[in-house]
Protein backbone atom coordinates (compact mmCIF):
# COMPACT_ATOMS: atom_id res chain seq x y z
CA UNK A 1 1.94 24.33 24.02
CA UNK A 2 -0.86 21.88 23.37
CA UNK A 3 -1.23 19.10 20.83
CA UNK A 4 -4.44 17.97 19.15
CA UNK A 5 -5.07 14.26 18.65
CA UNK A 6 -8.04 13.10 16.60
CA UNK A 7 -9.66 9.93 15.39
CA UNK A 8 -11.48 9.24 12.14
CA UNK A 9 -13.23 6.15 10.87
CA UNK A 10 -13.28 7.32 7.26
CA UNK A 11 -15.95 4.89 5.98
CA UNK A 12 -14.34 2.47 3.55
CA UNK A 13 -11.68 4.84 2.30
CA UNK A 14 -10.41 3.48 -1.03
CA UNK A 15 -7.75 4.63 -3.45
CA UNK A 16 -10.15 4.72 -6.40
CA UNK A 17 -12.15 7.44 -4.58
CA UNK A 18 -9.23 9.90 -4.48
CA UNK A 19 -10.41 13.21 -5.87
CA UNK A 20 -14.11 12.35 -5.50
CA UNK A 21 -16.56 14.46 -3.53
CA UNK A 22 -16.55 11.89 -0.71
CA UNK A 23 -12.74 11.80 -0.52
CA UNK A 24 -12.55 15.59 -0.60
CA UNK A 25 -15.13 15.91 2.18
CA UNK A 26 -12.97 13.69 4.38
CA UNK A 27 -9.84 15.68 3.55
CA UNK A 28 -11.66 18.94 4.26
CA UNK A 29 -12.82 17.63 7.63
CA UNK A 30 -9.30 16.61 8.64
CA UNK A 31 -7.87 19.94 7.50
CA UNK A 32 -10.55 21.71 9.54
CA UNK A 33 -9.44 19.72 12.55
CA UNK A 34 -5.72 20.38 11.85
CA UNK A 35 -4.56 17.51 14.08
CA UNK A 36 -1.03 16.93 15.26
CA UNK A 37 -1.80 13.18 15.34
CA UNK A 38 -4.69 11.27 13.77
CA UNK A 39 -5.88 7.70 14.15
CA UNK A 40 -7.47 6.45 10.93
CA UNK A 41 -9.66 3.39 10.39
CA UNK A 42 -11.48 1.68 7.51
CA UNK A 43 -8.91 2.05 4.79
CA UNK A 44 -10.22 -0.65 2.48
CA UNK A 45 -8.69 -2.42 -0.53
CA UNK A 46 -11.00 -3.96 -3.13
CA UNK A 47 -10.52 -7.68 -2.49
CA UNK A 48 -12.34 -8.67 -5.71
CA UNK A 49 -10.00 -6.64 -7.89
CA UNK A 50 -6.72 -6.93 -5.94
CA UNK A 51 -4.66 -10.07 -5.26
CA UNK A 52 -3.86 -10.51 -1.55
CA UNK A 53 -0.15 -10.10 -2.25
CA UNK A 54 -0.87 -6.53 -3.36
CA UNK A 55 -3.19 -5.47 -0.53
CA UNK A 56 -0.44 -3.82 1.52
CA UNK A 57 0.92 -1.90 -1.45
CA UNK A 58 -2.50 -0.50 -2.37
CA UNK A 59 -3.31 0.31 1.25
CA UNK A 60 0.00 2.13 1.60
CA UNK A 61 -0.77 4.18 -1.52
CA UNK A 62 -4.21 5.02 -0.15
CA UNK A 63 -2.93 6.07 3.27
CA UNK A 64 0.00 8.02 1.84
CA UNK A 65 -2.25 9.83 -0.62
CA UNK A 66 -4.81 10.69 2.03
CA UNK A 67 -2.10 11.87 4.43
CA UNK A 68 -0.55 14.08 1.76
CA UNK A 69 -3.91 15.60 0.85
CA UNK A 70 -4.49 16.35 4.56
CA UNK A 71 -1.05 17.90 5.03
CA UNK A 72 0.13 15.01 7.20
CA UNK A 73 2.40 11.99 6.87
CA UNK A 74 2.29 8.30 7.74
CA UNK A 75 5.84 7.51 6.64
CA UNK A 76 8.07 5.30 8.78
CA UNK A 77 11.38 3.68 7.87
CA UNK A 78 10.90 0.74 5.50
CA UNK A 79 12.30 -2.64 6.47
CA UNK A 80 12.57 -5.95 4.61
CA UNK A 81 9.51 -7.19 6.52
CA UNK A 82 7.59 -3.93 6.08
CA UNK A 83 8.77 -2.58 2.75
CA UNK A 84 6.04 -0.01 2.21
CA UNK A 85 7.21 2.34 4.97
CA UNK A 86 3.70 3.27 6.12
CA UNK A 87 2.35 3.25 9.69
CA UNK A 88 -0.54 0.87 9.04
CA UNK A 89 -1.85 -2.54 10.05
CA UNK A 90 -4.40 -5.12 8.97
CA UNK A 91 -5.66 -8.57 9.83
CA UNK A 92 -3.85 -10.78 7.30
CA UNK A 93 -7.15 -12.34 6.20
CA UNK A 94 -8.95 -9.03 5.53
CA UNK A 95 -8.04 -5.96 3.51
CA UNK A 96 -9.25 -3.44 6.11
CA UNK A 97 -6.51 -1.25 7.58
CA UNK A 98 -5.87 1.12 10.45
CA UNK A 99 -3.17 3.80 10.37
CA UNK A 100 -1.50 6.57 12.35
CA UNK A 101 -0.98 9.94 10.66
CA UNK A 102 0.87 12.94 12.06
CA UNK A 103 2.30 16.39 11.45
CA UNK A 104 6.09 16.01 11.38
CA UNK A 105 6.46 19.43 13.01
CA UNK A 106 4.51 18.21 16.05
CA UNK A 107 6.66 15.27 17.05
CA UNK A 108 9.42 13.05 15.75
CA UNK A 109 8.63 9.40 15.13
CA UNK A 110 10.71 7.23 17.45
CA UNK A 111 12.64 4.69 15.34
CA UNK A 112 11.57 1.13 16.04
CA UNK A 113 8.32 2.12 17.75
CA UNK A 114 5.98 1.35 14.84
CA UNK A 115 4.22 -1.98 15.33
CA UNK A 116 1.46 -3.46 13.16
CA UNK A 117 -0.63 -6.12 14.88
CA UNK A 118 -3.30 -8.29 13.30
CA UNK A 119 -4.64 -11.81 13.58
CA UNK A 120 -5.15 -13.62 15.85
CA UNK A 121 -5.24 -10.72 18.31
CA UNK A 122 -7.26 -8.15 16.36
CA UNK A 123 -10.19 -8.49 13.99
CA UNK A 124 -8.98 -5.30 12.32
CA UNK A 125 -5.31 -4.34 12.41
CA UNK A 126 -3.93 -2.33 15.32
CA UNK A 127 -1.31 0.32 14.54
CA UNK A 128 1.05 1.69 17.20
CA UNK A 129 3.81 4.28 16.89
CA UNK A 130 5.82 6.34 19.38
CA UNK A 131 6.61 10.04 19.13
CA UNK A 132 8.95 12.46 20.86
CA UNK A 133 6.69 15.37 21.78
CA UNK A 134 9.00 16.99 24.31
CA UNK A 135 7.45 15.20 27.28
CA UNK A 136 9.22 13.15 29.93
CA UNK A 137 8.91 10.09 27.67
CA UNK A 138 7.74 9.39 24.13
CA UNK A 139 4.00 9.21 23.60
CA UNK A 140 2.66 5.96 22.15
CA UNK A 141 -0.25 6.57 19.75
CA UNK A 142 -2.54 3.61 19.04
CA UNK A 143 -5.11 3.42 16.23
CA UNK A 144 -7.71 0.75 17.03
CA UNK A 145 -10.81 -0.65 15.31
CA UNK A 146 -12.81 -3.00 17.53
CA UNK A 147 -14.49 -6.19 16.37
CA UNK A 148 -17.99 -5.20 15.17
CA UNK A 149 -19.74 -8.44 16.05
CA UNK A 150 -18.29 -9.97 19.19
CA UNK A 151 -18.21 -8.55 22.74
CA UNK A 152 -15.96 -11.46 23.74
CA UNK A 153 -13.44 -10.68 21.00
CA UNK A 154 -13.47 -6.96 21.87
CA UNK A 155 -12.71 -7.87 25.48
CA UNK A 156 -9.72 -9.93 24.42
CA UNK A 157 -8.56 -7.13 22.11
CA UNK A 158 -8.59 -4.79 25.11
CA UNK A 159 -6.56 -7.28 27.12
CA UNK A 160 -3.97 -7.31 24.33
CA UNK A 161 -3.89 -3.51 24.17
CA UNK A 162 -3.34 -3.38 27.91
CA UNK A 163 -0.43 -5.77 27.62
CA UNK A 164 1.13 -3.71 24.80
CA UNK A 165 1.07 -0.56 26.93
CA UNK A 166 1.98 -2.00 30.33
CA UNK A 167 5.31 -1.90 32.08
CA UNK A 168 6.28 -3.24 35.48
CA UNK A 169 4.45 -1.17 38.06
CA UNK A 170 2.77 1.17 35.60
CA UNK A 171 1.75 2.05 32.08
CA UNK A 172 3.51 3.90 29.28
CA UNK A 173 2.42 7.43 28.34
CA UNK A 174 -0.05 6.52 25.62
CA UNK A 175 -3.26 7.41 23.84
CA UNK A 176 -5.61 4.88 22.25
CA UNK A 177 -8.00 6.33 19.68
CA UNK A 178 -10.41 4.43 17.51
CA UNK A 179 -13.75 3.04 16.55
CA UNK A 180 -14.27 0.79 19.57
CA UNK A 181 -17.62 -0.50 18.24
CA UNK A 182 -19.02 -0.46 21.78
CA UNK A 183 -20.13 1.87 24.53
CA UNK A 184 -17.63 3.03 27.13
CA UNK A 185 -17.60 1.88 30.75
CA UNK A 186 -16.52 5.33 31.96
CA UNK A 187 -18.53 6.62 34.92
CA UNK A 188 -19.24 10.15 36.10
CA UNK A 189 -21.10 11.55 39.12
CA UNK A 190 -24.85 11.88 38.58
CA UNK A 191 -27.09 14.66 39.92
CA UNK A 192 -27.26 12.93 43.30
CA UNK A 193 -23.51 12.35 43.43
CA UNK A 194 -23.61 8.62 42.73
CA UNK A 195 -21.62 7.29 39.81
CA UNK A 196 -23.41 6.47 36.56
CA UNK A 197 -22.26 5.61 33.09
CA UNK A 198 -21.23 8.59 30.96
CA UNK A 199 -22.93 6.78 28.05
CA UNK A 200 -26.49 5.89 28.96
CA UNK A 201 -27.90 2.47 28.07
CA UNK A 202 -28.66 2.61 24.35
CA UNK A 203 -30.21 -0.78 23.66
CA UNK A 204 -32.93 -1.27 26.28
CA UNK A 205 -35.85 -0.57 23.93
CA UNK A 206 -34.36 -1.99 20.73
CA UNK A 207 -35.70 -5.11 19.01
CA UNK A 208 -33.65 -6.39 16.09
CA UNK A 209 -31.42 -9.29 15.07
CA UNK A 210 -28.09 -7.61 15.88
CA UNK A 211 -28.46 -7.20 19.64
CA UNK A 212 -26.07 -10.05 20.40
CA UNK A 213 -23.26 -7.90 19.03
CA UNK A 214 -23.67 -5.27 21.73
CA UNK A 215 -25.57 -6.46 24.81
CA UNK A 216 -24.63 -8.65 27.73
CA UNK A 217 -25.27 -12.37 27.34
CA UNK A 218 -28.70 -13.43 28.50
CA UNK A 219 -30.10 -9.90 28.70
CA UNK A 220 -31.99 -9.78 25.39
CA UNK A 221 -35.68 -9.38 26.10
CA UNK A 222 -34.86 -8.07 29.56
CA UNK A 223 -32.72 -5.11 30.59
CA UNK A 224 -30.60 -5.39 27.41
CA UNK A 225 -27.58 -3.82 29.07
CA UNK A 226 -24.59 -2.86 26.93
CA UNK A 227 -21.56 -5.13 27.15
CA UNK A 228 -18.80 -2.78 28.36
CA UNK A 229 -16.10 -5.29 29.29
CA UNK A 230 -13.77 -4.00 26.58
CA UNK A 231 -13.23 -0.55 28.11
CA UNK A 232 -13.95 -1.67 31.68
CA UNK A 233 -10.66 -3.56 31.54
CA UNK A 234 -8.71 -0.59 30.20
CA UNK A 235 -10.26 1.92 32.62
CA UNK A 236 -9.92 -0.17 35.78
CA UNK A 237 -8.07 1.57 38.59
CA UNK A 238 -7.30 4.54 36.34
CA UNK A 239 -5.01 2.53 34.07
CA UNK A 240 -6.58 4.69 31.36
CA UNK A 241 -9.28 7.35 31.35
CA UNK A 242 -11.93 8.17 28.78
CA UNK A 243 -11.06 11.74 27.71
CA UNK A 244 -14.68 12.86 27.27
CA UNK A 245 -15.83 11.62 30.68
CA UNK A 246 -12.59 12.63 32.43
CA UNK A 247 -12.97 16.23 31.25
CA UNK A 248 -16.70 16.34 31.89
CA UNK A 249 -17.45 17.23 28.29
CA UNK A 250 -21.10 17.42 27.20
CA UNK A 251 -22.18 14.06 25.75
CA UNK A 252 -22.19 13.90 21.94
CA UNK A 253 -22.93 10.98 19.64
CA UNK A 254 -20.25 9.93 17.18
CA UNK A 255 -22.51 7.77 14.98
CA UNK A 256 -26.14 7.72 13.96
CA UNK A 257 -26.19 10.86 11.78
CA UNK A 258 -26.34 8.90 8.50
CA UNK A 259 -29.83 7.55 7.73
CA UNK A 260 -30.22 4.05 6.36
CA UNK A 261 -29.47 4.02 2.67
CA UNK A 262 -26.67 6.57 2.88
CA UNK A 263 -24.22 4.06 4.32
CA UNK A 264 -24.53 0.61 5.84
CA UNK A 265 -27.84 -0.25 7.52
CA UNK A 266 -27.80 1.14 11.07
CA UNK A 267 -30.24 -0.35 13.59
CA UNK A 268 -28.49 1.28 16.55
CA UNK A 269 -29.36 4.98 16.48
CA UNK A 270 -27.14 7.64 18.02
CA UNK A 271 -24.28 6.30 20.11
CA UNK A 272 -20.75 7.22 21.16
CA UNK A 273 -18.49 4.39 20.03
CA UNK A 274 -15.51 6.42 18.76
CA UNK A 275 -13.38 6.91 21.84
CA UNK A 276 -10.18 8.50 23.07
CA UNK A 277 -8.53 6.78 26.02
CA UNK A 278 -5.30 8.02 27.59
CA UNK A 279 -3.09 6.24 30.07
CA UNK A 280 -2.60 7.27 33.68
CA UNK A 281 0.50 9.43 33.06
CA UNK A 282 -1.26 11.35 30.27
CA UNK A 283 -4.55 12.01 32.08
CA UNK A 284 -3.26 15.14 33.91
CA UNK A 285 -2.21 16.60 30.56
CA UNK A 286 -5.69 16.57 28.97
CA UNK A 287 -7.08 20.05 28.30
CA UNK A 288 -10.10 19.72 25.96
CA UNK A 289 -12.32 17.26 24.08
CA UNK A 290 -14.78 17.61 21.22
CA UNK A 291 -16.71 15.99 18.37
CA UNK A 292 -16.69 17.58 14.93
CA UNK A 293 -20.04 18.52 13.45
CA UNK A 294 -19.04 20.62 10.43
CA UNK A 295 -20.73 20.06 7.09
CA UNK A 296 -17.68 18.24 5.73
CA UNK A 297 -17.31 16.06 8.83
CA UNK A 298 -20.95 14.98 8.71
CA UNK A 299 -20.84 14.31 4.96
CA UNK A 300 -17.51 12.48 4.88
CA UNK A 301 -18.29 9.44 7.00
CA UNK A 302 -20.87 7.64 9.11
CA UNK A 303 -18.50 8.30 12.04
CA UNK A 304 -17.79 11.78 13.32
CA UNK A 305 -14.25 12.85 14.15
CA UNK A 306 -13.43 12.97 17.86
CA UNK A 307 -10.49 14.93 19.23
CA UNK A 308 -8.69 15.89 22.39
CA UNK A 309 -5.91 18.29 23.27
CA UNK A 310 -3.11 17.74 25.74
CA UNK A 311 -0.18 19.68 27.10
CA UNK A 312 3.03 17.62 26.85
CA UNK A 313 4.44 19.36 29.91
CA UNK A 314 1.58 17.92 31.95
CA UNK A 315 2.46 14.29 31.25
CA UNK A 316 3.56 12.76 34.51
CA UNK A 317 6.55 10.53 35.09
CA UNK A 318 5.46 6.90 34.71
CA UNK A 319 4.74 5.17 38.01
CA UNK A 320 6.94 2.27 38.94
CA UNK A 321 6.38 -0.23 41.74
CA UNK A 322 2.72 0.63 42.29
């Protein structure tokens, strides 16, 4: 048995769009994927029309409606502190949400495992939830949306993610999916056998005002190397692996297919910033990786859906005392 885990930045998914062509394209893309688990980002509440006290309620309606239309669920037990019973999270100062969706037939949500994290640790909310998938331990699924404008903040977000997933002498079986808003630090052997980045340098020839958001300090006007500290921290010593690089999948961009004017202005071109990272115990269980390029997937968002499959039986017992 294998499970499919996907990630989708659904481009400012709002409740008022339900039933529209854009909403339906997103639903169609997810149904084409037929994921067992799905990380979702950019669920957005209209701040001008909605009081802050109602943001969570509207976001929960949006996520629940989208999940239902996709044949999935995002329902977790409600509590006095989290009365909406939806696996979602946001920065308290912004009405942009992340969420975890799943097929109930694929794994049972582990009570008490849902955690929403926001400010001051995450520019966008981070959603985590655990699932019993028949492996040696529950699988923690993390939906992440990296800070779009600060390499330093993204680095600190990664440090926080690493702390959430760590345990003494090892790391929990886990998968982090999301719009990382940065290139990966994963390396693969080149033609001559030496290691090189799986994602080639994307910014060396670019000249625009947004370079500070992506390149290493002091490199503008020179090599303009991508700042990769965010994933470098998570990938160090095999703590996690980048599914695409680990499996040797052909490189595919996840953004850059929408021309300016269709979405937000994009000075970056084609890049791979939507990533799937799995922890050390899960790496042996990976079986496949891909990027969706169907008509619905390309029309639904400025981010393409990425996915991986894994075999629960291949998840290794967590190391202790390394």
